[in-house]
Amino acid sequence: MDLPAEAIELENRSVGAHGEPTLARACELLLRSWDAGNRSRELALHLMFLCWYLMLEPMHLTGLEPTNPISDRLQLVFNEVHENFGANMARDAEMLYVVGLMAHLTPWLLGDNDSWESRSETYRLLYRKLAPQGISPQVFDGRGAYGDYFAGQARVENGY
């Protein structure tokens, strides 16, 4: 299985107007899976999103307590996962889209601002070559908080 079922369940519980702050727990499960050697593409996409989202959003939305030890790993793990998939990204419109968009929105959050701004532009150009009309929001259907977030972004006319 690409993702621990409990992680997707926790992601799903966070979605919507009555969502619960369960994303930190989902991220902890994905980190354990990553640390155990799971290098699936789906795990990578969700893990990068959760690392980014936990760095970006407040505790009342994510459930990430300031004392949680994963707090210190989020940027490092995002970059580790990115590096692990970097060589294959040029052929993966979805990965180019989601990583590029996160870098476009908050390059400073991911590390060196200039490097991530540059990557964002490169990824946008590569992604648009693969998907000139943009990525379909349906690509993200049924994929937890990750899917919910990026489906919304994909609906933005002339967006990233």
N, C-alpha and C. Protein backbone atom coordinates (compact mmCIF):
# COMPACT_ATOMS: atom_id res chain seq x y z
N MET A 1 0.85 -1.19 0.00
CA MET A 1 0.00 0.00 0.00
C MET A 1 0.89 1.24 0.00
N ASP A 2 0.53 2.20 -0.83
CA ASP A 2 1.32 3.41 -0.95
C ASP A 2 1.27 4.29 0.30
N LEU A 3 0.05 4.44 0.82
CA LEU A 3 -0.15 5.30 1.99
C LEU A 3 -0.78 4.50 3.11
N PRO A 4 -0.36 4.74 4.34
CA PRO A 4 -1.07 4.11 5.46
C PRO A 4 -2.53 4.58 5.45
N ALA A 5 -3.46 3.64 5.54
CA ALA A 5 -4.89 3.97 5.50
C ALA A 5 -5.26 4.97 6.59
N GLU A 6 -4.66 4.84 7.74
CA GLU A 6 -4.97 5.76 8.84
C GLU A 6 -4.57 7.19 8.49
N ALA A 7 -3.50 7.36 7.73
CA ALA A 7 -3.06 8.71 7.34
C ALA A 7 -4.10 9.37 6.44
N ILE A 8 -4.62 8.62 5.47
CA ILE A 8 -5.65 9.17 4.59
C ILE A 8 -6.92 9.49 5.38
N GLU A 9 -7.25 8.61 6.32
CA GLU A 9 -8.42 8.85 7.17
C GLU A 9 -8.24 10.16 7.95
N LEU A 10 -7.06 10.37 8.50
CA LEU A 10 -6.78 11.60 9.24
C LEU A 10 -6.82 12.82 8.31
N GLU A 11 -6.28 12.68 7.11
CA GLU A 11 -6.37 13.78 6.14
C GLU A 11 -7.83 14.10 5.84
N ASN A 12 -8.62 13.07 5.60
CA ASN A 12 -10.04 13.28 5.28
C ASN A 12 -10.79 13.96 6.42
N ARG A 13 -10.43 13.63 7.64
CA ARG A 13 -11.09 14.25 8.80
C ARG A 13 -10.78 15.74 8.92
N SER A 14 -9.72 16.19 8.28
CA SER A 14 -9.34 17.60 8.38
C SER A 14 -10.05 18.49 7.37
N VAL A 15 -10.69 17.88 6.38
CA VAL A 15 -11.25 18.61 5.25
C VAL A 15 -12.65 19.15 5.57
N GLY A 16 -12.93 20.33 5.05
CA GLY A 16 -14.27 20.89 5.13
C GLY A 16 -14.47 21.86 6.28
N ALA A 17 -15.65 22.43 6.32
CA ALA A 17 -15.98 23.46 7.31
C ALA A 17 -15.89 22.95 8.74
N HIS A 18 -16.13 21.67 8.94
CA HIS A 18 -16.08 21.10 10.28
C HIS A 18 -14.87 20.19 10.46
N GLY A 19 -13.83 20.47 9.68
CA GLY A 19 -12.63 19.65 9.74
C GLY A 19 -11.96 19.70 11.10
N GLU A 20 -11.26 18.62 11.41
CA GLU A 20 -10.54 18.50 12.67
C GLU A 20 -9.05 18.75 12.44
N PRO A 21 -8.34 19.21 13.45
CA PRO A 21 -6.89 19.44 13.31
C PRO A 21 -6.10 18.13 13.42
N THR A 22 -6.17 17.32 12.38
CA THR A 22 -5.58 15.97 12.40
C THR A 22 -4.37 15.82 11.48
N LEU A 23 -3.94 16.89 10.83
CA LEU A 23 -2.89 16.76 9.82
C LEU A 23 -1.52 16.46 10.42
N ALA A 24 -1.24 16.93 11.61
CA ALA A 24 0.04 16.62 12.24
C ALA A 24 0.16 15.12 12.48
N ARG A 25 -0.92 14.50 12.93
CA ARG A 25 -0.89 13.05 13.15
C ARG A 25 -0.73 12.30 11.83
N ALA A 26 -1.39 12.78 10.77
CA ALA A 26 -1.23 12.17 9.46
C ALA A 26 0.23 12.27 9.01
N CYS A 27 0.81 13.42 9.22
CA CYS A 27 2.21 13.62 8.82
C CYS A 27 3.14 12.70 9.60
N GLU A 28 2.87 12.53 10.88
CA GLU A 28 3.70 11.62 11.69
C GLU A 28 3.66 10.20 11.12
N LEU A 29 2.49 9.74 10.71
CA LEU A 29 2.38 8.40 10.12
C LEU A 29 3.15 8.30 8.80
N LEU A 30 3.03 9.34 7.98
CA LEU A 30 3.75 9.33 6.71
C LEU A 30 5.26 9.40 6.92
N LEU A 31 5.69 10.17 7.91
CA LEU A 31 7.12 10.24 8.23
C LEU A 31 7.65 8.87 8.65
N ARG A 32 6.88 8.16 9.46
CA ARG A 32 7.29 6.82 9.87
C ARG A 32 7.44 5.90 8.66
N SER A 33 6.49 6.00 7.75
CA SER A 33 6.53 5.18 6.55
C SER A 33 7.74 5.55 5.68
N TRP A 34 7.99 6.85 5.53
CA TRP A 34 9.15 7.32 4.77
C TRP A 34 10.44 6.84 5.43
N ASP A 35 10.53 7.01 6.74
CA ASP A 35 11.73 6.59 7.47
C ASP A 35 11.96 5.08 7.38
N ALA A 36 10.87 4.32 7.20
CA ALA A 36 10.97 2.86 7.06
C ALA A 36 11.31 2.44 5.63
N GLY A 37 11.46 3.41 4.74
CA GLY A 37 11.90 3.09 3.38
C GLY A 37 10.84 3.18 2.30
N ASN A 38 9.62 3.56 2.62
CA ASN A 38 8.57 3.71 1.61
C ASN A 38 8.92 4.92 0.74
N ARG A 39 9.15 4.69 -0.53
CA ARG A 39 9.49 5.77 -1.46
C ARG A 39 8.47 5.85 -2.59
N SER A 40 7.22 5.54 -2.28
CA SER A 40 6.19 5.62 -3.32
C SER A 40 5.92 7.07 -3.69
N ARG A 41 5.54 7.26 -4.90
CA ARG A 41 5.21 8.59 -5.41
C ARG A 41 4.06 9.21 -4.62
N GLU A 42 3.02 8.42 -4.35
CA GLU A 42 1.86 8.95 -3.63
C GLU A 42 2.24 9.39 -2.22
N LEU A 43 3.04 8.59 -1.54
CA LEU A 43 3.50 8.98 -0.21
C LEU A 43 4.31 10.28 -0.31
N ALA A 44 5.17 10.38 -1.30
CA ALA A 44 5.99 11.57 -1.47
C ALA A 44 5.14 12.83 -1.66
N LEU A 45 4.12 12.73 -2.51
CA LEU A 45 3.25 13.88 -2.75
C LEU A 45 2.55 14.33 -1.48
N HIS A 46 1.97 13.39 -0.76
CA HIS A 46 1.26 13.72 0.48
C HIS A 46 2.23 14.24 1.54
N LEU A 47 3.38 13.62 1.65
CA LEU A 47 4.35 14.04 2.67
C LEU A 47 4.87 15.43 2.41
N MET A 48 5.21 15.74 1.16
CA MET A 48 5.67 17.10 0.86
C MET A 48 4.56 18.11 1.16
N PHE A 49 3.33 17.79 0.76
CA PHE A 49 2.23 18.71 1.04
C PHE A 49 2.06 18.92 2.54
N LEU A 50 2.03 17.84 3.31
CA LEU A 50 1.82 17.99 4.75
C LEU A 50 2.97 18.73 5.42
N CYS A 51 4.20 18.46 5.03
CA CYS A 51 5.33 19.21 5.59
C CYS A 51 5.15 20.70 5.32
N TRP A 52 4.84 21.03 4.09
CA TRP A 52 4.65 22.43 3.70
C TRP A 52 3.47 23.06 4.46
N TYR A 53 2.36 22.37 4.48
CA TYR A 53 1.14 22.90 5.11
C TYR A 53 1.33 23.08 6.62
N LEU A 54 2.02 22.16 7.25
CA LEU A 54 2.27 22.27 8.69
C LEU A 54 3.20 23.43 9.01
N MET A 55 4.12 23.74 8.11
CA MET A 55 5.00 24.90 8.33
C MET A 55 4.23 26.20 8.12
N LEU A 56 3.21 26.16 7.28
CA LEU A 56 2.50 27.36 6.84
C LEU A 56 1.33 27.74 7.73
N GLU A 57 0.53 26.78 8.11
CA GLU A 57 -0.74 27.06 8.77
C GLU A 57 -0.66 26.94 10.29
N PRO A 58 -1.56 27.60 11.00
CA PRO A 58 -1.52 27.60 12.47
C PRO A 58 -1.99 26.27 13.08
N MET A 59 -1.61 26.09 14.32
CA MET A 59 -1.89 24.88 15.08
C MET A 59 -3.37 24.53 15.12
N HIS A 60 -4.24 25.52 15.21
CA HIS A 60 -5.67 25.19 15.33
C HIS A 60 -6.22 24.54 14.05
N LEU A 61 -5.53 24.70 12.93
CA LEU A 61 -5.92 24.03 11.70
C LEU A 61 -5.22 22.68 11.50
N THR A 62 -3.98 22.60 11.96
CA THR A 62 -3.16 21.42 11.66
C THR A 62 -3.03 20.44 12.82
N GLY A 63 -3.14 20.94 14.04
CA GLY A 63 -2.92 20.09 15.21
C GLY A 63 -1.46 19.95 15.57
N LEU A 64 -0.58 20.70 14.91
CA LEU A 64 0.85 20.61 15.20
C LEU A 64 1.20 21.48 16.41
N GLU A 65 1.46 20.83 17.52
CA GLU A 65 1.87 21.52 18.74
C GLU A 65 3.32 22.01 18.58
N PRO A 66 3.64 23.18 19.15
CA PRO A 66 5.00 23.70 19.01
C PRO A 66 6.07 22.76 19.57
N THR A 67 5.71 21.91 20.51
CA THR A 67 6.68 20.99 21.12
C THR A 67 6.80 19.67 20.37
N ASN A 68 6.01 19.47 19.33
CA ASN A 68 6.06 18.23 18.57
C ASN A 68 7.41 18.12 17.86
N PRO A 69 8.13 17.02 18.08
CA PRO A 69 9.46 16.88 17.49
C PRO A 69 9.49 16.92 15.95
N ILE A 70 8.37 16.64 15.29
CA ILE A 70 8.42 16.69 13.82
C ILE A 70 8.56 18.11 13.30
N SER A 71 8.24 19.09 14.15
CA SER A 71 8.35 20.51 13.73
C SER A 71 9.73 20.83 13.19
N ASP A 72 10.75 20.29 13.83
CA ASP A 72 12.13 20.57 13.43
C ASP A 72 12.54 19.85 12.15
N ARG A 73 11.75 18.89 11.70
CA ARG A 73 12.11 18.08 10.53
C ARG A 73 11.38 18.50 9.26
N LEU A 74 10.38 19.33 9.34
CA LEU A 74 9.48 19.55 8.21
C LEU A 74 10.20 20.06 6.96
N GLN A 75 10.98 21.12 7.09
CA GLN A 75 11.68 21.67 5.93
C GLN A 75 12.70 20.66 5.39
N LEU A 76 13.40 20.02 6.29
CA LEU A 76 14.41 19.02 5.90
C LEU A 76 13.77 17.87 5.13
N VAL A 77 12.65 17.36 5.63
CA VAL A 77 11.97 16.24 4.98
C VAL A 77 11.41 16.68 3.63
N PHE A 78 10.81 17.86 3.56
CA PHE A 78 10.31 18.34 2.28
C PHE A 78 11.42 18.29 1.24
N ASN A 79 12.59 18.83 1.60
CA ASN A 79 13.71 18.87 0.66
C ASN A 79 14.27 17.48 0.35
N GLU A 80 14.29 16.61 1.34
CA GLU A 80 14.76 15.24 1.12
C GLU A 80 13.85 14.51 0.14
N VAL A 81 12.55 14.63 0.33
CA VAL A 81 11.60 13.98 -0.56
C VAL A 81 11.73 14.56 -1.97
N HIS A 82 11.80 15.88 -2.04
CA HIS A 82 11.96 16.55 -3.33
C HIS A 82 13.21 16.04 -4.04
N GLU A 83 14.30 15.98 -3.32
CA GLU A 83 15.56 15.52 -3.91
C GLU A 83 15.45 14.07 -4.40
N ASN A 84 14.77 13.26 -3.64
CA ASN A 84 14.61 11.85 -3.99
C ASN A 84 13.87 11.67 -5.32
N PHE A 85 12.94 12.58 -5.63
CA PHE A 85 12.14 12.47 -6.85
C PHE A 85 12.58 13.44 -7.94
N GLY A 86 13.56 14.29 -7.66
CA GLY A 86 13.97 15.33 -8.59
C GLY A 86 14.27 14.87 -9.99
N ALA A 87 14.96 13.76 -10.13
CA ALA A 87 15.37 13.28 -11.46
C ALA A 87 14.17 12.86 -12.32
N ASN A 88 13.09 12.45 -11.71
CA ASN A 88 11.92 11.97 -12.45
C ASN A 88 10.83 13.02 -12.60
N MET A 89 11.00 14.16 -11.97
CA MET A 89 9.93 15.16 -11.96
C MET A 89 9.64 15.74 -13.33
N ALA A 90 10.62 15.85 -14.19
CA ALA A 90 10.43 16.51 -15.48
C ALA A 90 9.37 15.84 -16.35
N ARG A 91 9.04 14.59 -16.03
CA ARG A 91 8.03 13.85 -16.80
C ARG A 91 6.73 13.68 -16.02
N ASP A 92 6.59 14.35 -14.90
CA ASP A 92 5.45 14.14 -14.01
C ASP A 92 4.71 15.46 -13.80
N ALA A 93 3.68 15.70 -14.60
CA ALA A 93 2.95 16.98 -14.55
C ALA A 93 2.39 17.27 -13.16
N GLU A 94 1.85 16.25 -12.51
CA GLU A 94 1.27 16.49 -11.18
C GLU A 94 2.33 16.91 -10.17
N MET A 95 3.44 16.22 -10.16
CA MET A 95 4.48 16.57 -9.19
C MET A 95 5.06 17.95 -9.50
N LEU A 96 5.28 18.24 -10.77
CA LEU A 96 5.76 19.58 -11.15
C LEU A 96 4.77 20.65 -10.69
N TYR A 97 3.49 20.37 -10.87
CA TYR A 97 2.45 21.33 -10.49
C TYR A 97 2.43 21.55 -8.99
N VAL A 98 2.34 20.50 -8.20
CA VAL A 98 2.18 20.70 -6.76
C VAL A 98 3.44 21.26 -6.10
N VAL A 99 4.60 20.73 -6.46
CA VAL A 99 5.84 21.25 -5.86
C VAL A 99 6.09 22.68 -6.35
N GLY A 100 5.87 22.91 -7.63
CA GLY A 100 6.06 24.25 -8.17
C GLY A 100 5.12 25.27 -7.55
N LEU A 101 3.87 24.88 -7.34
CA LEU A 101 2.91 25.80 -6.73
C LEU A 101 3.29 26.11 -5.28
N MET A 102 3.66 25.09 -4.52
CA MET A 102 4.07 25.35 -3.13
C MET A 102 5.28 26.29 -3.11
N ALA A 103 6.23 26.06 -4.01
CA ALA A 103 7.41 26.91 -4.08
C ALA A 103 7.05 28.32 -4.54
N HIS A 104 6.08 28.42 -5.44
CA HIS A 104 5.64 29.73 -5.93
C HIS A 104 4.98 30.54 -4.80
N LEU A 105 4.16 29.88 -4.01
CA LEU A 105 3.43 30.58 -2.94
C LEU A 105 4.32 30.97 -1.77
N THR A 106 5.28 30.13 -1.42
CA THR A 106 6.09 30.39 -0.22
C THR A 106 7.53 29.88 -0.40
N PRO A 107 8.29 30.46 -1.30
CA PRO A 107 9.65 29.95 -1.52
C PRO A 107 10.53 30.02 -0.27
N TRP A 108 10.37 31.03 0.55
CA TRP A 108 11.17 31.20 1.75
C TRP A 108 10.93 30.07 2.76
N LEU A 109 9.79 29.47 2.71
CA LEU A 109 9.42 28.43 3.67
C LEU A 109 10.18 27.13 3.40
N LEU A 110 10.63 26.94 2.18
CA LEU A 110 11.22 25.67 1.76
C LEU A 110 12.74 25.66 1.84
N GLY A 111 13.35 26.80 2.08
CA GLY A 111 14.80 26.89 2.12
C GLY A 111 15.24 28.20 1.52
N ASP A 112 16.26 28.14 0.68
CA ASP A 112 16.78 29.35 0.05
C ASP A 112 15.72 29.94 -0.90
N ASN A 113 15.31 31.16 -0.61
CA ASN A 113 14.24 31.82 -1.36
C ASN A 113 14.53 31.87 -2.85
N ASP A 114 15.72 32.32 -3.23
CA ASP A 114 16.05 32.46 -4.65
C ASP A 114 16.03 31.11 -5.38
N SER A 115 16.57 30.08 -4.73
CA SER A 115 16.59 28.74 -5.35
C SER A 115 15.18 28.23 -5.58
N TRP A 116 14.31 28.40 -4.58
CA TRP A 116 12.95 27.88 -4.72
C TRP A 116 12.12 28.73 -5.68
N GLU A 117 12.36 30.02 -5.75
CA GLU A 117 11.68 30.84 -6.77
C GLU A 117 12.07 30.38 -8.17
N SER A 118 13.34 30.11 -8.36
CA SER A 118 13.84 29.65 -9.65
C SER A 118 13.24 28.28 -10.00
N ARG A 119 13.23 27.37 -9.03
CA ARG A 119 12.62 26.06 -9.28
C ARG A 119 11.15 26.20 -9.64
N SER A 120 10.46 27.08 -8.94
CA SER A 120 9.04 27.27 -9.21
C SER A 120 8.82 27.67 -10.66
N GLU A 121 9.60 28.59 -11.16
CA GLU A 121 9.46 29.02 -12.56
C GLU A 121 9.79 27.88 -13.52
N THR A 122 10.86 27.16 -13.24
CA THR A 122 11.25 26.02 -14.08
C THR A 122 10.15 24.97 -14.09
N TYR A 123 9.63 24.65 -12.91
CA TYR A 123 8.59 23.62 -12.81
C TYR A 123 7.31 24.06 -13.52
N ARG A 124 7.00 25.34 -13.45
CA ARG A 124 5.81 25.83 -14.14
C ARG A 124 5.95 25.65 -15.65
N LEU A 125 7.11 26.02 -16.19
CA LEU A 125 7.34 25.86 -17.63
C LEU A 125 7.27 24.39 -18.05
N LEU A 126 7.90 23.52 -17.27
CA LEU A 126 7.88 22.09 -17.59
C LEU A 126 6.47 21.52 -17.47
N TYR A 127 5.77 21.89 -16.42
CA TYR A 127 4.41 21.41 -16.20
C TYR A 127 3.49 21.86 -17.34
N ARG A 128 3.62 23.12 -17.75
CA ARG A 128 2.75 23.65 -18.81
C ARG A 128 3.06 23.01 -20.17
N LYS A 129 4.29 22.54 -20.37
CA LYS A 129 4.59 21.79 -21.60
C LYS A 129 3.85 20.46 -21.60
N LEU A 130 3.76 19.84 -20.43
CA LEU A 130 3.07 18.55 -20.32
C LEU A 130 1.56 18.71 -20.26
N ALA A 131 1.09 19.82 -19.69
CA ALA A 131 -0.35 20.05 -19.53
C ALA A 131 -0.66 21.51 -19.89
N PRO A 132 -0.66 21.83 -21.20
CA PRO A 132 -0.83 23.22 -21.64
C PRO A 132 -2.11 23.89 -21.15
N GLN A 133 -3.17 23.11 -20.95
CA GLN A 133 -4.44 23.67 -20.47
C GLN A 133 -4.53 23.68 -18.95
N GLY A 134 -3.51 23.26 -18.29
CA GLY A 134 -3.53 23.16 -16.83
C GLY A 134 -3.89 21.75 -16.39
N ILE A 135 -3.74 21.51 -15.14
CA ILE A 135 -4.04 20.19 -14.59
C ILE A 135 -5.51 20.11 -14.22
N SER A 136 -6.12 18.99 -14.45
CA SER A 136 -7.53 18.80 -14.14
C SER A 136 -7.74 18.63 -12.64
N PRO A 137 -8.70 19.32 -12.06
CA PRO A 137 -8.99 19.12 -10.64
C PRO A 137 -9.36 17.68 -10.31
N GLN A 138 -9.89 16.95 -11.29
CA GLN A 138 -10.30 15.56 -11.05
C GLN A 138 -9.12 14.65 -10.72
N VAL A 139 -7.92 15.06 -11.11
CA VAL A 139 -6.72 14.29 -10.78
C VAL A 139 -6.62 14.09 -9.28
N PHE A 140 -7.18 15.02 -8.52
CA PHE A 140 -7.01 15.04 -7.07
C PHE A 140 -8.20 14.44 -6.31
N ASP A 141 -9.19 13.98 -7.02
CA ASP A 141 -10.39 13.42 -6.37
C ASP A 141 -10.04 12.24 -5.46
N GLY A 142 -10.64 12.26 -4.27
CA GLY A 142 -10.50 11.14 -3.34
C GLY A 142 -9.12 10.96 -2.76
N ARG A 143 -8.35 12.04 -2.68
CA ARG A 143 -6.97 11.93 -2.22
C ARG A 143 -6.70 12.76 -0.98
N GLY A 144 -7.67 12.79 -0.06
CA GLY A 144 -7.48 13.41 1.24
C GLY A 144 -7.31 14.91 1.18
N ALA A 145 -6.66 15.45 2.22
CA ALA A 145 -6.43 16.89 2.31
C ALA A 145 -5.53 17.36 1.17
N TYR A 146 -4.57 16.53 0.79
CA TYR A 146 -3.70 16.83 -0.35
C TYR A 146 -4.56 17.09 -1.58
N GLY A 147 -5.45 16.17 -1.89
CA GLY A 147 -6.31 16.29 -3.05
C GLY A 147 -7.25 17.47 -2.96
N ASP A 148 -7.82 17.66 -1.79
CA ASP A 148 -8.75 18.77 -1.59
C ASP A 148 -8.07 20.11 -1.84
N TYR A 149 -6.88 20.28 -1.31
CA TYR A 149 -6.15 21.54 -1.47
C TYR A 149 -5.81 21.80 -2.94
N PHE A 150 -5.22 20.83 -3.59
CA PHE A 150 -4.76 21.06 -4.96
C PHE A 150 -5.88 21.04 -5.99
N ALA A 151 -6.97 20.36 -5.71
CA ALA A 151 -8.14 20.44 -6.60
C ALA A 151 -8.66 21.87 -6.60
N GLY A 152 -8.71 22.49 -5.42
CA GLY A 152 -9.14 23.89 -5.34
C GLY A 152 -8.21 24.81 -6.10
N GLN A 153 -6.93 24.59 -5.98
CA GLN A 153 -5.95 25.42 -6.69
C GLN A 153 -6.06 25.21 -8.21
N ALA A 154 -6.30 23.97 -8.62
CA ALA A 154 -6.38 23.65 -10.05
C ALA A 154 -7.59 24.30 -10.71
N ARG A 155 -8.57 24.68 -9.90
CA ARG A 155 -9.77 25.33 -10.44
C ARG A 155 -9.57 26.83 -10.70
N VAL A 156 -8.49 27.39 -10.23
CA VAL A 156 -8.20 28.81 -10.43
C VAL A 156 -7.90 29.04 -11.90
N GLU A 157 -8.71 29.85 -12.55
CA GLU A 157 -8.53 30.12 -13.96
C GLU A 157 -7.21 30.85 -14.20
N ASN A 158 -6.44 30.35 -15.14
CA ASN A 158 -5.10 30.88 -15.45
C ASN A 158 -4.19 30.90 -14.23
N GLY A 159 -4.39 29.93 -13.33
CA GLY A 159 -3.55 29.82 -12.13
C GLY A 159 -2.17 29.33 -12.49
N TYR A 160 -1.49 28.84 -11.53
CA TYR A 160 -0.12 28.37 -11.71
C TYR A 160 -0.04 27.41 -12.88
